[in-house]
Amino acid sequence: MVGFTVSPVRRWALRLGLDLVHTEMVGVEGIAHRNPRSLEMLSCAPGERPVALQVFGSRVEAMAEGVRVALRCHPFDAVSINMGCPARALVRSGAGAALMGSPLALEMVSSLKGLGVPVWVKTRVFEDRVRSFAFVEGLIEAGASLVVVHGRTPSQGYSRPADRAAVVELARAFPGRIGASGDALSPEGIELYLEGGCACVLLARGFLRDPLLALRFKGRPSGQGELRRALFALAEEDPSPLGGRSALEAVKRVLCQALKGFPSAAVCRDLVSRARSRGEVREVLSSFLGRPASDRFNTV
């Protein structure tokens, strides 16, 4: 997720029970042309694994070159091409959801074969389930080892409940090859996808709303005290080696999402958003939440 999944947040998420994390969505054109900001977005801390590189683009040649450059920067565990983002700017450029059903999508996947890393695709359902089936089948035949399907069409955005049945139908048609996305907001929501045959579930907004969601799904301690300790732990993550100010801003965004539901949350979130350093963030959290009885929080 752009603006959220920077390295400090990814490290924190792995400590909170996630089995794999993704980079922010990075444009392959910028990577291929060695744009400093694009290369900065590839930064990973030692031991920050498993981590998948999430990319977007509209040209096959740039996709292949950009991923090659990225893999020379860091040994990512997988490459995930975003072919489902409905953002207008992305779609107008021919990337994201604009690739759904396009022959270019299959060419992009095929162009990454032989790089020694699994190729994944993140996409959305069509209104017509026959088209969804055909597109997913084409991606797998082109070389995608995993297709993560979001249960809403691009035009639906996030305006209605995800169509879990459509995702599960694909999972049963392509065993072991379909991941699920969309409304995985509770342990029960995650279980519905897995019981339906999905190979994995992307938490995305579910994790932002509830950072302890993966721990709760795995039956680990996940009470209010644990959440308080986790929030302080995120505030302690050092952003300076990997993104500096921009990484701190991302950490603050995640904290503001997770603080919803706490007493005086609106005021606390406003002060966190204005903080100019990790120290100021910790001071705000201490003022509103109180220091936890223990600075340690349960990790997996």
Foldseek 3Di string as FASTA:
>chain_A
DPLAAAALNLVLLQQLQDPEEEFHEAELQCQLVVPVVRLLSLDYDPPSDQYEYEYKDAALVSLLSSVLSSCVSDVHQAYEYAQAALPPVQLVRRMHVNCQPPPVLLSNLLSNPPVPHAYEYEHEADPDLVSRLVRVVSNVVSRHQAYEYWQDHSVCPQVDFGPLVSQLVSCVVPAPHYEYETPPQALVSQVVNVVSRHNYYDCVVNCLQQVNRSVVNVVHDRDPLLLLLSLLVSLVRDCCVRPPQSVLQNSLSSSLNHLPPAVVSVVLSVQSNVDRHSVSNNVSSCVRPNDRPDNDHRGD
